[in-house]
Amino acid sequence: MDPMTPVDDYLAALDDDVRERMEELRALVHRVAPDAQERISYGMPTFTVDGRPVVHLAAWKRHIALYPLPPLPPGLAEQVAPWRAAKDTLRLPHDRPLPLPLVAAVLEVLVAGRP
């Protein structure tokens, strides 16, 4: 059995419903970026590609935040607008279903490293 990673420890400390949502997002990151590595950075799960931090996920009381939210192509930017909490944050409230296709599109931009 593989030893627990720091990201596993982070997730284990969450309430079950929030942990499930974080696990869904974690799996989505790995589907979009199969070579992504995981670590804790800035106190939150961070996914890197080729040593470059690509995305951070943080579980908060009422939402999960995805950082950074880069400049996005016009069509995608409009779709993301209702989920944007700050200039560079995608806020995913716990009381709404995860918009996984939208998050996947954002992750693809992040992995590519450009809009």
C-alpha atoms as a PDB file:
ATOM      1  CA  MET A   1       0.000   0.000   0.000  1.00  0.00           C
ATOM      2  CA  ASP A   2       1.275   3.454  -0.884  1.00  0.00           C
ATOM      3  CA  PRO A   3       2.110   5.724   2.034  1.00  0.00           C
ATOM      4  CA  MET A   4      -0.109   8.737   2.680  1.00  0.00           C
ATOM      5  CA  THR A   5       1.014  11.869   0.880  1.00  0.00           C
ATOM      6  CA  PRO A   6       0.727  15.389   2.264  1.00  0.00           C
ATOM      7  CA  VAL A   7      -2.245  15.949  -0.083  1.00  0.00           C
ATOM      8  CA  ASP A   8      -3.909  12.800   1.300  1.00  0.00           C
ATOM      9  CA  ASP A   9      -3.374  14.188   4.812  1.00  0.00           C
ATOM     10  CA  TYR A  10      -4.971  17.507   3.782  1.00  0.00           C
ATOM     11  CA  LEU A  11      -7.983  15.697   2.355  1.00  0.00           C
ATOM     12  CA  ALA A  12      -8.308  13.356   5.343  1.00  0.00           C
ATOM     13  CA  ALA A  13      -8.809  16.361   7.621  1.00  0.00           C
ATOM     14  CA  LEU A  14     -11.890  17.530   5.667  1.00  0.00           C
ATOM     15  CA  ASP A  15     -15.543  16.693   6.296  1.00  0.00           C
ATOM     16  CA  ASP A  16     -16.691  13.770   4.144  1.00  0.00           C
ATOM     17  CA  ASP A  17     -18.816  15.821   1.733  1.00  0.00           C
ATOM     18  CA  VAL A  18     -16.054  18.379   1.137  1.00  0.00           C
ATOM     19  CA  ARG A  19     -13.425  15.644   0.817  1.00  0.00           C
ATOM     20  CA  GLU A  20     -15.516  13.961  -1.887  1.00  0.00           C
ATOM     21  CA  ARG A  21     -15.701  17.221  -3.851  1.00  0.00           C
ATOM     22  CA  MET A  22     -11.958  17.775  -3.473  1.00  0.00           C
ATOM     23  CA  GLU A  23     -11.303  14.195  -4.607  1.00  0.00           C
ATOM     24  CA  GLU A  24     -13.436  14.808  -7.706  1.00  0.00           C
ATOM     25  CA  LEU A  25     -11.376  17.889  -8.529  1.00  0.00           C
ATOM     26  CA  ARG A  26      -8.116  16.064  -7.796  1.00  0.00           C
ATOM     27  CA  ALA A  27      -9.110  13.278 -10.202  1.00  0.00           C
ATOM     28  CA  LEU A  28     -10.088  15.870 -12.809  1.00  0.00           C
ATOM     29  CA  VAL A  29      -6.677  17.536 -12.555  1.00  0.00           C
ATOM     30  CA  HIS A  30      -5.040  14.165 -13.185  1.00  0.00           C
ATOM     31  CA  ARG A  31      -7.315  13.452 -16.171  1.00  0.00           C
ATOM     32  CA  VAL A  32      -6.428  16.805 -17.749  1.00  0.00           C
ATOM     33  CA  ALA A  33      -2.744  16.589 -16.757  1.00  0.00           C
ATOM     34  CA  PRO A  34      -1.837  12.906 -16.320  1.00  0.00           C
ATOM     35  CA  ASP A  35       1.775  13.776 -15.463  1.00  0.00           C
ATOM     36  CA  ALA A  36       0.833  16.254 -12.735  1.00  0.00           C
ATOM     37  CA  GLN A  37       2.673  15.913  -9.444  1.00  0.00           C
ATOM     38  CA  GLU A  38       1.151  16.836  -6.088  1.00  0.00           C
ATOM     39  CA  ARG A  39       2.468  18.711  -3.098  1.00  0.00           C
ATOM     40  CA  ILE A  40       1.298  21.124  -0.436  1.00  0.00           C
ATOM     41  CA  SER A  41       2.220  24.724  -1.160  1.00  0.00           C
ATOM     42  CA  TYR A  42       0.824  27.795   0.583  1.00  0.00           C
ATOM     43  CA  GLY A  43      -1.000  25.329   2.859  1.00  0.00           C
ATOM     44  CA  MET A  44      -3.103  23.812   0.064  1.00  0.00           C
ATOM     45  CA  PRO A  45      -2.912  21.006  -2.504  1.00  0.00           C
ATOM     46  CA  THR A  46      -0.831  22.188  -5.424  1.00  0.00           C
ATOM     47  CA  PHE A  47      -0.438  20.412  -8.745  1.00  0.00           C
ATOM     48  CA  THR A  48       2.681  20.895 -10.827  1.00  0.00           C
ATOM     49  CA  VAL A  49       3.600  19.974 -14.392  1.00  0.00           C
ATOM     50  CA  ASP A  50       7.275  19.822 -15.342  1.00  0.00           C
ATOM     51  CA  GLY A  51       8.071  21.445 -11.990  1.00  0.00           C
ATOM     52  CA  ARG A  52       5.807  24.442 -12.712  1.00  0.00           C
ATOM     53  CA  PRO A  53       2.910  25.044 -10.304  1.00  0.00           C
ATOM     54  CA  VAL A  54      -0.256  24.848 -12.382  1.00  0.00           C
ATOM     55  CA  VAL A  55      -3.173  24.953  -9.944  1.00  0.00           C
ATOM     56  CA  HIS A  56      -3.893  25.186  -6.226  1.00  0.00           C
ATOM     57  CA  LEU A  57      -7.099  23.893  -4.631  1.00  0.00           C
ATOM     58  CA  ALA A  58      -8.270  24.980  -1.190  1.00  0.00           C
ATOM     59  CA  ALA A  59     -11.271  23.833   0.806  1.00  0.00           C
ATOM     60  CA  TRP A  60     -13.013  26.580   2.733  1.00  0.00           C
ATOM     61  CA  LYS A  61     -16.097  26.509   4.937  1.00  0.00           C
ATOM     62  CA  ARG A  62     -18.556  27.386   2.150  1.00  0.00           C
ATOM     63  CA  HIS A  63     -16.610  26.712  -1.042  1.00  0.00           C
ATOM     64  CA  ILE A  64     -13.588  25.269  -2.776  1.00  0.00           C
ATOM     65  CA  ALA A  65     -11.266  27.762  -4.400  1.00  0.00           C
ATOM     66  CA  LEU A  66      -9.151  27.112  -7.462  1.00  0.00           C
ATOM     67  CA  TYR A  67      -6.147  29.406  -7.962  1.00  0.00           C
ATOM     68  CA  PRO A  68      -4.887  31.081 -10.128  1.00  0.00           C
ATOM     69  CA  LEU A  69      -7.547  31.901 -12.618  1.00  0.00           C
ATOM     70  CA  PRO A  70      -5.603  33.131 -15.659  1.00  0.00           C
ATOM     71  CA  PRO A  71      -6.804  35.375 -18.447  1.00  0.00           C
ATOM     72  CA  LEU A  72      -9.192  33.176 -20.399  1.00  0.00           C
ATOM     73  CA  PRO A  73     -10.317  33.103 -24.019  1.00  0.00           C
ATOM     74  CA  PRO A  74     -13.494  35.229 -24.483  1.00  0.00           C
ATOM     75  CA  GLY A  75     -16.052  32.389 -24.662  1.00  0.00           C
ATOM     76  CA  LEU A  76     -14.613  30.627 -21.637  1.00  0.00           C
ATOM     77  CA  ALA A  77     -14.255  33.883 -19.706  1.00  0.00           C
ATOM     78  CA  GLU A  78     -18.012  34.493 -19.981  1.00  0.00           C
ATOM     79  CA  GLN A  79     -18.786  30.960 -18.762  1.00  0.00           C
ATOM     80  CA  VAL A  80     -16.444  31.394 -15.797  1.00  0.00           C
ATOM     81  CA  ALA A  81     -17.716  34.867 -14.828  1.00  0.00           C
ATOM     82  CA  PRO A  82     -20.494  33.637 -12.475  1.00  0.00           C
ATOM     83  CA  TRP A  83     -17.929  31.478 -10.639  1.00  0.00           C
ATOM     84  CA  ARG A  84     -15.230  34.147 -10.388  1.00  0.00           C
ATOM     85  CA  ALA A  85     -14.772  35.405  -6.825  1.00  0.00           C
ATOM     86  CA  ALA A  86     -11.775  37.643  -7.309  1.00  0.00           C
ATOM     87  CA  LYS A  87      -9.538  38.519 -10.192  1.00  0.00           C
ATOM     88  CA  ASP A  88      -7.729  35.184 -10.036  1.00  0.00           C
ATOM     89  CA  THR A  89     -10.030  32.827  -8.088  1.00  0.00           C
ATOM     90  CA  LEU A  90     -12.615  30.317  -9.235  1.00  0.00           C
ATOM     91  CA  ARG A  91     -15.042  29.812  -6.321  1.00  0.00           C
ATOM     92  CA  LEU A  92     -17.013  26.560  -6.245  1.00  0.00           C
ATOM     93  CA  PRO A  93     -19.717  26.800  -3.548  1.00  0.00           C
ATOM     94  CA  HIS A  94     -20.501  23.604  -1.634  1.00  0.00           C
ATOM     95  CA  ASP A  95     -24.237  24.141  -2.162  1.00  0.00           C
ATOM     96  CA  ARG A  96     -23.924  23.889  -5.965  1.00  0.00           C
ATOM     97  CA  PRO A  97     -22.885  20.948  -8.142  1.00  0.00           C
ATOM     98  CA  LEU A  98     -19.300  21.100  -9.358  1.00  0.00           C
ATOM     99  CA  PRO A  99     -19.186  22.422 -12.946  1.00  0.00           C
ATOM    100  CA  LEU A 100     -16.646  19.758 -13.947  1.00  0.00           C
ATOM    101  CA  PRO A 101     -16.625  20.464 -17.711  1.00  0.00           C
ATOM    102  CA  LEU A 102     -16.018  24.159 -16.996  1.00  0.00           C
ATOM    103  CA  VAL A 103     -13.264  23.374 -14.485  1.00  0.00           C
ATOM    104  CA  ALA A 104     -11.674  20.998 -17.033  1.00  0.00           C
ATOM    105  CA  ALA A 105     -11.625  23.789 -19.634  1.00  0.00           C
ATOM    106  CA  VAL A 106      -9.944  26.134 -17.123  1.00  0.00           C
ATOM    107  CA  LEU A 107      -7.430  23.426 -16.196  1.00  0.00           C
ATOM    108  CA  GLU A 108      -6.550  22.938 -19.861  1.00  0.00           C
ATOM    109  CA  VAL A 109      -5.684  26.652 -20.091  1.00  0.00           C
ATOM    110  CA  LEU A 110      -3.620  26.429 -16.900  1.00  0.00           C
ATOM    111  CA  VAL A 111      -1.740  23.341 -18.091  1.00  0.00           C
ATOM    112  CA  ALA A 112      -1.010  24.980 -21.446  1.00  0.00           C
ATOM    113  CA  GLY A 113       0.390  27.963 -19.564  1.00  0.00           C
ATOM    114  CA  ARG A 114      -1.398  30.538 -21.675  1.00  0.00           C
ATOM    115  CA  PRO A 115      -4.935  31.617 -22.603  1.00  0.00           C
END
